[in-house]
Each structure stands twice: as C-alpha cells, then as structure tokens.
Amino acid sequence: MKIALHIERLVLDGVPLASGQQALLHAAVVEALTARLGDGVFAARLAAQPRRDVVHGAPIRLSSQTDPQSLGTDIASSIHAGFGGGQ
C-alpha cells in the first residue's frame, strides 16, 4: 500500500531554532513520519478513512533544550496521533 502525505504548511509558534536547524528538523519529521505511517496495520486503517484536508496534531511540550531530532520525532508523533494512531 502506498501513502501519499503532503504537508503544505507546518506551523511551529515559539519554537527556537538556530540558523540551519530547519533542514535538520525537516529530515527528522520525514524520517519519523515515514516509520509511523509505514506501519502496515496503521496504513490499512488510514486507507479506510475518508481523505482529510486538515489534520490537527496533539500538543507538544517544548523544553529549553529541544533539539531538531527530538522535536521532529515529537511532531511526527503528534501528526500520527491526529490521524488516529497511538503515540
């Protein structure tokens, strides 16, 4: 089964990222989402749902020490939860 996910805009209010960390965050989100959405059981459940134009993720808690990799994993978990997957 093939899943196509297009994220037009990801809004991160108040997230302190240093210059150059956006690319690291992007890569981390893609990697973590691919792992979560590639789960065969979840993919089958997702395919049975109607198409969604908007998915609201679960809230994410930020710490003052948030790194792009951890934040990317948290964002992927939040999006996954928005589709009805467990965290």
PDB file of N, CA and C in Angstrom:
ATOM      1  N   MET A   1       0.850  -1.163   0.000  1.00  0.00           N
ATOM      2  CA  MET A   1       0.000   0.000   0.000  1.00  0.00           C
ATOM      3  C   MET A   1       0.900   1.233   0.000  1.00  0.00           C
ATOM      4  N   LYS A   2       0.485   2.230  -0.742  1.00  0.00           N
ATOM      5  CA  LYS A   2       1.257   3.470  -0.830  1.00  0.00           C
ATOM      6  C   LYS A   2       0.458   4.607  -0.193  1.00  0.00           C
ATOM      7  N   ILE A   3       1.114   5.348   0.662  1.00  0.00           N
ATOM      8  CA  ILE A   3       0.504   6.506   1.309  1.00  0.00           C
ATOM      9  C   ILE A   3       1.217   7.751   0.802  1.00  0.00           C
ATOM     10  N   ALA A   4       0.423   8.710   0.337  1.00  0.00           N
ATOM     11  CA  ALA A   4       0.993   9.997  -0.088  1.00  0.00           C
ATOM     12  C   ALA A   4       0.511  11.055   0.902  1.00  0.00           C
ATOM     13  N   LEU A   5       1.452  11.693   1.536  1.00  0.00           N
ATOM     14  CA  LEU A   5       1.133  12.730   2.515  1.00  0.00           C
ATOM     15  C   LEU A   5       1.821  14.007   2.073  1.00  0.00           C
ATOM     16  N   HIS A   6       1.037  15.040   1.923  1.00  0.00           N
ATOM     17  CA  HIS A   6       1.584  16.343   1.531  1.00  0.00           C
ATOM     18  C   HIS A   6       1.321  17.313   2.670  1.00  0.00           C
ATOM     19  N   ILE A   7       2.382  17.842   3.229  1.00  0.00           N
ATOM     20  CA  ILE A   7       2.249  18.845   4.285  1.00  0.00           C
ATOM     21  C   ILE A   7       2.560  20.189   3.647  1.00  0.00           C
ATOM     22  N   GLU A   8       1.511  20.949   3.422  1.00  0.00           N
ATOM     23  CA  GLU A   8       1.687  22.251   2.787  1.00  0.00           C
ATOM     24  C   GLU A   8       2.319  23.252   3.734  1.00  0.00           C
ATOM     25  N   ARG A   9       1.884  23.170   4.982  1.00  0.00           N
ATOM     26  CA  ARG A   9       2.382  24.132   5.964  1.00  0.00           C
ATOM     27  C   ARG A   9       2.396  23.479   7.332  1.00  0.00           C
ATOM     28  N   LEU A  10       3.477  23.659   8.026  1.00  0.00           N
ATOM     29  CA  LEU A  10       3.616  23.178   9.391  1.00  0.00           C
ATOM     30  C   LEU A  10       3.923  24.402  10.241  1.00  0.00           C
ATOM     31  N   VAL A  11       3.008  24.741  11.121  1.00  0.00           N
ATOM     32  CA  VAL A  11       3.145  25.954  11.923  1.00  0.00           C
ATOM     33  C   VAL A  11       3.742  25.595  13.274  1.00  0.00           C
ATOM     34  N   LEU A  12       4.856  26.227  13.593  1.00  0.00           N
ATOM     35  CA  LEU A  12       5.543  25.999  14.861  1.00  0.00           C
ATOM     36  C   LEU A  12       5.725  27.351  15.537  1.00  0.00           C
ATOM     37  N   ASP A  13       4.776  27.723  16.341  1.00  0.00           N
ATOM     38  CA  ASP A  13       4.836  29.009  17.041  1.00  0.00           C
ATOM     39  C   ASP A  13       5.766  28.918  18.241  1.00  0.00           C
ATOM     40  N   GLY A  14       6.675  29.864  18.336  1.00  0.00           N
ATOM     41  CA  GLY A  14       7.532  29.960  19.505  1.00  0.00           C
ATOM     42  C   GLY A  14       8.609  28.903  19.606  1.00  0.00           C
ATOM     43  N   VAL A  15       8.961  28.284  18.499  1.00  0.00           N
ATOM     44  CA  VAL A  15       9.987  27.246  18.526  1.00  0.00           C
ATOM     45  C   VAL A  15      11.339  27.894  18.230  1.00  0.00           C
ATOM     46  N   PRO A  16      12.245  27.826  19.187  1.00  0.00           N
ATOM     47  CA  PRO A  16      13.554  28.454  18.998  1.00  0.00           C
ATOM     48  C   PRO A  16      14.517  27.548  18.217  1.00  0.00           C
ATOM     49  N   LEU A  17      14.616  27.763  16.906  1.00  0.00           N
ATOM     50  CA  LEU A  17      15.553  27.002  16.085  1.00  0.00           C
ATOM     51  C   LEU A  17      16.675  27.918  15.636  1.00  0.00           C
ATOM     52  N   ALA A  18      17.889  27.453  15.788  1.00  0.00           N
ATOM     53  CA  ALA A  18      19.043  28.220  15.326  1.00  0.00           C
ATOM     54  C   ALA A  18      19.131  28.133  13.809  1.00  0.00           C
ATOM     55  N   SER A  19      19.870  29.021  13.225  1.00  0.00           N
ATOM     56  CA  SER A  19      20.076  29.027  11.781  1.00  0.00           C
ATOM     57  C   SER A  19      20.606  27.670  11.324  1.00  0.00           C
ATOM     58  N   GLY A  20      20.028  27.142  10.287  1.00  0.00           N
ATOM     59  CA  GLY A  20      20.455  25.853   9.763  1.00  0.00           C
ATOM     60  C   GLY A  20      19.742  24.659  10.362  1.00  0.00           C
ATOM     61  N   GLN A  21      19.012  24.848  11.435  1.00  0.00           N
ATOM     62  CA  GLN A  21      18.338  23.712  12.073  1.00  0.00           C
ATOM     63  C   GLN A  21      17.029  23.335  11.388  1.00  0.00           C
ATOM     64  N   GLN A  22      16.516  24.208  10.516  1.00  0.00           N
ATOM     65  CA  GLN A  22      15.273  23.893   9.820  1.00  0.00           C
ATOM     66  C   GLN A  22      15.427  22.631   8.968  1.00  0.00           C
ATOM     67  N   ALA A  23      16.550  22.500   8.268  1.00  0.00           N
ATOM     68  CA  ALA A  23      16.771  21.313   7.437  1.00  0.00           C
ATOM     69  C   ALA A  23      16.873  20.049   8.291  1.00  0.00           C
ATOM     70  N   LEU A  24      17.502  20.151   9.448  1.00  0.00           N
ATOM     71  CA  LEU A  24      17.590  19.005  10.355  1.00  0.00           C
ATOM     72  C   LEU A  24      16.215  18.617  10.880  1.00  0.00           C
ATOM     73  N   LEU A  25      15.405  19.616  11.213  1.00  0.00           N
ATOM     74  CA  LEU A  25      14.047  19.361  11.690  1.00  0.00           C
ATOM     75  C   LEU A  25      13.219  18.702  10.592  1.00  0.00           C
ATOM     76  N   HIS A  26      13.306  19.223   9.382  1.00  0.00           N
ATOM     77  CA  HIS A  26      12.569  18.655   8.251  1.00  0.00           C
ATOM     78  C   HIS A  26      12.920  17.182   8.065  1.00  0.00           C
ATOM     79  N   ALA A  27      14.202  16.875   8.047  1.00  0.00           N
ATOM     80  CA  ALA A  27      14.647  15.489   7.866  1.00  0.00           C
ATOM     81  C   ALA A  27      14.145  14.587   8.998  1.00  0.00           C
ATOM     82  N   ALA A  28      14.160  15.094  10.203  1.00  0.00           N
ATOM     83  CA  ALA A  28      13.700  14.303  11.352  1.00  0.00           C
ATOM     84  C   ALA A  28      12.200  14.022  11.263  1.00  0.00           C
ATOM     85  N   VAL A  29      11.421  15.014  10.845  1.00  0.00           N
ATOM     86  CA  VAL A  29       9.966  14.818  10.702  1.00  0.00           C
ATOM     87  C   VAL A  29       9.697  13.779   9.622  1.00  0.00           C
ATOM     88  N   VAL A  30      10.355  13.909   8.479  1.00  0.00           N
ATOM     89  CA  VAL A  30      10.148  12.959   7.377  1.00  0.00           C
ATOM     90  C   VAL A  30      10.510  11.537   7.806  1.00  0.00           C
ATOM     91  N   GLU A  31      11.650  11.383   8.431  1.00  0.00           N
ATOM     92  CA  GLU A  31      12.097  10.053   8.871  1.00  0.00           C
ATOM     93  C   GLU A  31      11.113   9.429   9.868  1.00  0.00           C
ATOM     94  N   ALA A  32      10.708  10.204  10.857  1.00  0.00           N
ATOM     95  CA  ALA A  32       9.813   9.671  11.890  1.00  0.00           C
ATOM     96  C   ALA A  32       8.409   9.408  11.340  1.00  0.00           C
ATOM     97  N   LEU A  33       7.910  10.277  10.465  1.00  0.00           N
ATOM     98  CA  LEU A  33       6.583  10.053   9.877  1.00  0.00           C
ATOM     99  C   LEU A  33       6.586   8.829   8.969  1.00  0.00           C
ATOM    100  N   THR A  34       7.648   8.667   8.206  1.00  0.00           N
ATOM    101  CA  THR A  34       7.756   7.501   7.326  1.00  0.00           C
ATOM    102  C   THR A  34       7.688   6.214   8.135  1.00  0.00           C
ATOM    103  N   ALA A  35       8.369   6.183   9.252  1.00  0.00           N
ATOM    104  CA  ALA A  35       8.348   4.993  10.108  1.00  0.00           C
ATOM    105  C   ALA A  35       6.952   4.743  10.675  1.00  0.00           C
ATOM    106  N   ARG A  36       6.285   5.806  11.131  1.00  0.00           N
ATOM    107  CA  ARG A  36       4.977   5.626  11.756  1.00  0.00           C
ATOM    108  C   ARG A  36       3.884   5.301  10.736  1.00  0.00           C
ATOM    109  N   LEU A  37       3.868   6.030   9.633  1.00  0.00           N
ATOM    110  CA  LEU A  37       2.806   5.835   8.644  1.00  0.00           C
ATOM    111  C   LEU A  37       3.035   4.588   7.798  1.00  0.00           C
ATOM    112  N   GLY A  38       4.262   4.064   7.811  1.00  0.00           N
ATOM    113  CA  GLY A  38       4.560   2.860   7.052  1.00  0.00           C
ATOM    114  C   GLY A  38       4.142   1.575   7.739  1.00  0.00           C
ATOM    115  N   ASP A  39       3.663   1.674   8.951  1.00  0.00           N
ATOM    116  CA  ASP A  39       3.169   0.507   9.690  1.00  0.00           C
ATOM    117  C   ASP A  39       1.977  -0.070   8.915  1.00  0.00           C
ATOM    118  N   GLY A  40       2.049  -1.339   8.546  1.00  0.00           N
ATOM    119  CA  GLY A  40       1.007  -1.959   7.729  1.00  0.00           C
ATOM    120  C   GLY A  40      -0.383  -1.899   8.336  1.00  0.00           C
ATOM    121  N   VAL A  41      -0.506  -2.130   9.618  1.00  0.00           N
ATOM    122  CA  VAL A  41      -1.805  -2.092  10.291  1.00  0.00           C
ATOM    123  C   VAL A  41      -2.366  -0.672  10.266  1.00  0.00           C
ATOM    124  N   PHE A  42      -1.526   0.299  10.598  1.00  0.00           N
ATOM    125  CA  PHE A  42      -1.976   1.680  10.595  1.00  0.00           C
ATOM    126  C   PHE A  42      -2.317   2.123   9.178  1.00  0.00           C
ATOM    127  N   ALA A  43      -1.529   1.725   8.193  1.00  0.00           N
ATOM    128  CA  ALA A  43      -1.781   2.104   6.801  1.00  0.00           C
ATOM    129  C   ALA A  43      -3.141   1.589   6.329  1.00  0.00           C
ATOM    130  N   ALA A  44      -3.487   0.368   6.687  1.00  0.00           N
ATOM    131  CA  ALA A  44      -4.780  -0.193   6.304  1.00  0.00           C
ATOM    132  C   ALA A  44      -5.925   0.576   6.959  1.00  0.00           C
ATOM    133  N   ARG A  45      -5.757   0.912   8.231  1.00  0.00           N
ATOM    134  CA  ARG A  45      -6.781   1.707   8.933  1.00  0.00           C
ATOM    135  C   ARG A  45      -6.930   3.078   8.296  1.00  0.00           C
ATOM    136  N   LEU A  46      -5.813   3.682   7.942  1.00  0.00           N
ATOM    137  CA  LEU A  46      -5.813   5.006   7.334  1.00  0.00           C
ATOM    138  C   LEU A  46      -6.480   4.976   5.974  1.00  0.00           C
ATOM    139  N   ALA A  47      -6.228   3.931   5.187  1.00  0.00           N
ATOM    140  CA  ALA A  47      -6.817   3.815   3.853  1.00  0.00           C
ATOM    141  C   ALA A  47      -8.334   3.707   3.916  1.00  0.00           C
ATOM    142  N   ALA A  48      -8.862   3.186   5.004  1.00  0.00           N
ATOM    143  CA  ALA A  48     -10.309   3.026   5.157  1.00  0.00           C
ATOM    144  C   ALA A  48     -11.002   4.331   5.541  1.00  0.00           C
ATOM    145  N   GLN A  49     -10.227   5.346   5.922  1.00  0.00           N
ATOM    146  CA  GLN A  49     -10.797   6.635   6.330  1.00  0.00           C
ATOM    147  C   GLN A  49     -10.972   7.536   5.112  1.00  0.00           C
ATOM    148  N   PRO A  50     -11.921   8.485   5.178  1.00  0.00           N
ATOM    149  CA  PRO A  50     -12.029   9.443   4.088  1.00  0.00           C
ATOM    150  C   PRO A  50     -10.812  10.364   4.049  1.00  0.00           C
ATOM    151  N   ARG A  51     -10.580  10.949   2.888  1.00  0.00           N
ATOM    152  CA  ARG A  51      -9.465  11.883   2.725  1.00  0.00           C
ATOM    153  C   ARG A  51      -9.640  13.052   3.681  1.00  0.00           C
ATOM    154  N   ARG A  52      -8.528  13.535   4.214  1.00  0.00           N
ATOM    155  CA  ARG A  52      -8.568  14.683   5.131  1.00  0.00           C
ATOM    156  C   ARG A  52      -7.801  15.846   4.525  1.00  0.00           C
ATOM    157  N   ASP A  53      -8.388  17.016   4.625  1.00  0.00           N
ATOM    158  CA  ASP A  53      -7.711  18.216   4.160  1.00  0.00           C
ATOM    159  C   ASP A  53      -6.882  18.850   5.267  1.00  0.00           C
ATOM    160  N   VAL A  54      -7.283  18.618   6.503  1.00  0.00           N
ATOM    161  CA  VAL A  54      -6.576  19.188   7.652  1.00  0.00           C
ATOM    162  C   VAL A  54      -6.471  18.121   8.732  1.00  0.00           C
ATOM    163  N   VAL A  55      -5.308  18.036   9.333  1.00  0.00           N
ATOM    164  CA  VAL A  55      -5.110  17.151  10.475  1.00  0.00           C
ATOM    165  C   VAL A  55      -4.544  18.002  11.602  1.00  0.00           C
ATOM    166  N   HIS A  56      -5.204  17.960  12.729  1.00  0.00           N
ATOM    167  CA  HIS A  56      -4.716  18.689  13.898  1.00  0.00           C
ATOM    168  C   HIS A  56      -3.988  17.702  14.799  1.00  0.00           C
ATOM    169  N   GLY A  57      -2.740  17.980  15.035  1.00  0.00           N
ATOM    170  CA  GLY A  57      -1.934  17.101  15.880  1.00  0.00           C
ATOM    171  C   GLY A  57      -2.160  17.373  17.346  1.00  0.00           C
ATOM    172  N   ALA A  58      -1.655  16.465  18.133  1.00  0.00           N
ATOM    173  CA  ALA A  58      -1.717  16.622  19.584  1.00  0.00           C
ATOM    174  C   ALA A  58      -0.707  17.687  20.016  1.00  0.00           C
ATOM    175  N   PRO A  59      -0.947  18.351  21.130  1.00  0.00           N
ATOM    176  CA  PRO A  59       0.011  19.356  21.621  1.00  0.00           C
ATOM    177  C   PRO A  59       1.373  18.735  21.924  1.00  0.00           C
ATOM    178  N   ILE A  60       2.403  19.536  21.760  1.00  0.00           N
ATOM    179  CA  ILE A  60       3.775  19.113  22.029  1.00  0.00           C
ATOM    180  C   ILE A  60       4.344  20.009  23.107  1.00  0.00           C
ATOM    181  N   ARG A  61       4.999  19.416  24.070  1.00  0.00           N
ATOM    182  CA  ARG A  61       5.664  20.205  25.116  1.00  0.00           C
ATOM    183  C   ARG A  61       7.105  20.462  24.698  1.00  0.00           C
ATOM    184  N   LEU A  62       7.496  21.716  24.747  1.00  0.00           N
ATOM    185  CA  LEU A  62       8.860  22.087  24.401  1.00  0.00           C
ATOM    186  C   LEU A  62       9.661  22.354  25.658  1.00  0.00           C
ATOM    187  N   SER A  63      10.918  21.987  25.592  1.00  0.00           N
ATOM    188  CA  SER A  63      11.820  22.343  26.676  1.00  0.00           C
ATOM    189  C   SER A  63      12.803  23.366  26.130  1.00  0.00           C
ATOM    190  N   SER A  64      13.531  23.982  26.985  1.00  0.00           N
ATOM    191  CA  SER A  64      14.511  24.969  26.538  1.00  0.00           C
ATOM    192  C   SER A  64      15.680  24.298  25.820  1.00  0.00           C
ATOM    193  N   GLN A  65      15.799  22.996  25.925  1.00  0.00           N
ATOM    194  CA  GLN A  65      16.899  22.236  25.324  1.00  0.00           C
ATOM    195  C   GLN A  65      16.459  21.423  24.112  1.00  0.00           C
ATOM    196  N   THR A  66      15.334  21.769  23.491  1.00  0.00           N
ATOM    197  CA  THR A  66      14.797  20.973  22.394  1.00  0.00           C
ATOM    198  C   THR A  66      15.733  20.988  21.188  1.00  0.00           C
ATOM    199  N   ASP A  67      16.126  19.795  20.740  1.00  0.00           N
ATOM    200  CA  ASP A  67      16.972  19.687  19.552  1.00  0.00           C
ATOM    201  C   ASP A  67      16.104  19.295  18.354  1.00  0.00           C
ATOM    202  N   PRO A  68      16.544  19.558  17.118  1.00  0.00           N
ATOM    203  CA  PRO A  68      15.734  19.280  15.936  1.00  0.00           C
ATOM    204  C   PRO A  68      15.302  17.817  15.810  1.00  0.00           C
ATOM    205  N   GLN A  69      16.172  16.872  16.154  1.00  0.00           N
ATOM    206  CA  GLN A  69      15.830  15.454  16.038  1.00  0.00           C
ATOM    207  C   GLN A  69      14.686  15.083  16.981  1.00  0.00           C
ATOM    208  N   SER A  70      14.784  15.480  18.237  1.00  0.00           N
ATOM    209  CA  SER A  70      13.725  15.178  19.207  1.00  0.00           C
ATOM    210  C   SER A  70      12.424  15.880  18.836  1.00  0.00           C
ATOM    211  N   LEU A  71      12.531  17.136  18.426  1.00  0.00           N
ATOM    212  CA  LEU A  71      11.342  17.884  18.040  1.00  0.00           C
ATOM    213  C   LEU A  71      10.691  17.251  16.814  1.00  0.00           C
ATOM    214  N   GLY A  72      11.495  16.814  15.850  1.00  0.00           N
ATOM    215  CA  GLY A  72      10.957  16.153  14.658  1.00  0.00           C
ATOM    216  C   GLY A  72      10.203  14.881  15.009  1.00  0.00           C
ATOM    217  N   THR A  73      10.749  14.113  15.933  1.00  0.00           N
ATOM    218  CA  THR A  73      10.086  12.885  16.393  1.00  0.00           C
ATOM    219  C   THR A  73       8.774  13.218  17.101  1.00  0.00           C
ATOM    220  N   ASP A  74       8.783  14.258  17.926  1.00  0.00           N
ATOM    221  CA  ASP A  74       7.567  14.679  18.633  1.00  0.00           C
ATOM    222  C   ASP A  74       6.505  15.175  17.648  1.00  0.00           C
ATOM    223  N   ILE A  75       6.914  15.915  16.630  1.00  0.00           N
ATOM    224  CA  ILE A  75       5.974  16.408  15.620  1.00  0.00           C
ATOM    225  C   ILE A  75       5.356  15.236  14.863  1.00  0.00           C
ATOM    226  N   ALA A  76       6.179  14.267  14.480  1.00  0.00           N
ATOM    227  CA  ALA A  76       5.661  13.091  13.781  1.00  0.00           C
ATOM    228  C   ALA A  76       4.668  12.330  14.650  1.00  0.00           C
ATOM    229  N   SER A  77       4.963  12.186  15.919  1.00  0.00           N
ATOM    230  CA  SER A  77       4.038  11.515  16.840  1.00  0.00           C
ATOM    231  C   SER A  77       2.723  12.285  16.936  1.00  0.00           C
ATOM    232  N   SER A  78       2.815  13.600  16.962  1.00  0.00           N
ATOM    233  CA  SER A  78       1.627  14.438  17.050  1.00  0.00           C
ATOM    234  C   SER A  78       0.758  14.300  15.796  1.00  0.00           C
ATOM    235  N   ILE A  79       1.388  14.325  14.631  1.00  0.00           N
ATOM    236  CA  ILE A  79       0.652  14.166  13.373  1.00  0.00           C
ATOM    237  C   ILE A  79       0.042  12.771  13.293  1.00  0.00           C
ATOM    238  N   HIS A  80       0.809  11.771  13.656  1.00  0.00           N
ATOM    239  CA  HIS A  80       0.330  10.390  13.667  1.00  0.00           C
ATOM    240  C   HIS A  80      -0.902  10.264  14.558  1.00  0.00           C
ATOM    241  N   ALA A  81      -0.845  10.878  15.729  1.00  0.00           N
ATOM    242  CA  ALA A  81      -1.993  10.859  16.645  1.00  0.00           C
ATOM    243  C   ALA A  81      -3.190  11.564  16.022  1.00  0.00           C
ATOM    244  N   GLY A  82      -2.942  12.624  15.265  1.00  0.00           N
ATOM    245  CA  GLY A  82      -4.027  13.336  14.593  1.00  0.00           C
ATOM    246  C   GLY A  82      -4.756  12.479  13.571  1.00  0.00           C
ATOM    247  N   PHE A  83      -4.064  11.500  13.020  1.00  0.00           N
ATOM    248  CA  PHE A  83      -4.681  10.552  12.089  1.00  0.00           C
ATOM    249  C   PHE A  83      -5.337   9.384  12.809  1.00  0.00           C
ATOM    250  N   GLY A  84      -5.239   9.378  14.133  1.00  0.00           N
ATOM    251  CA  GLY A  84      -5.852   8.296  14.897  1.00  0.00           C
ATOM    252  C   GLY A  84      -4.893   7.213  15.314  1.00  0.00           C
ATOM    253  N   GLY A  85      -3.605   7.431  15.127  1.00  0.00           N
ATOM    254  CA  GLY A  85      -2.602   6.463  15.555  1.00  0.00           C
ATOM    255  C   GLY A  85      -2.212   6.708  16.987  1.00  0.00           C
ATOM    256  N   GLY A  86      -1.713   5.716  17.643  1.00  0.00           N
ATOM    257  CA  GLY A  86      -1.246   5.888  19.018  1.00  0.00           C
ATOM    258  C   GLY A  86       0.083   6.593  19.033  1.00  0.00           C
ATOM    259  N   GLN A  87       0.425   7.169  20.155  1.00  0.00           N
ATOM    260  CA  GLN A  87       1.722   7.817  20.270  1.00  0.00           C
ATOM    261  C   GLN A  87       2.669   6.880  20.818  1.00  0.00           C
TER     262      GLN A  87
END
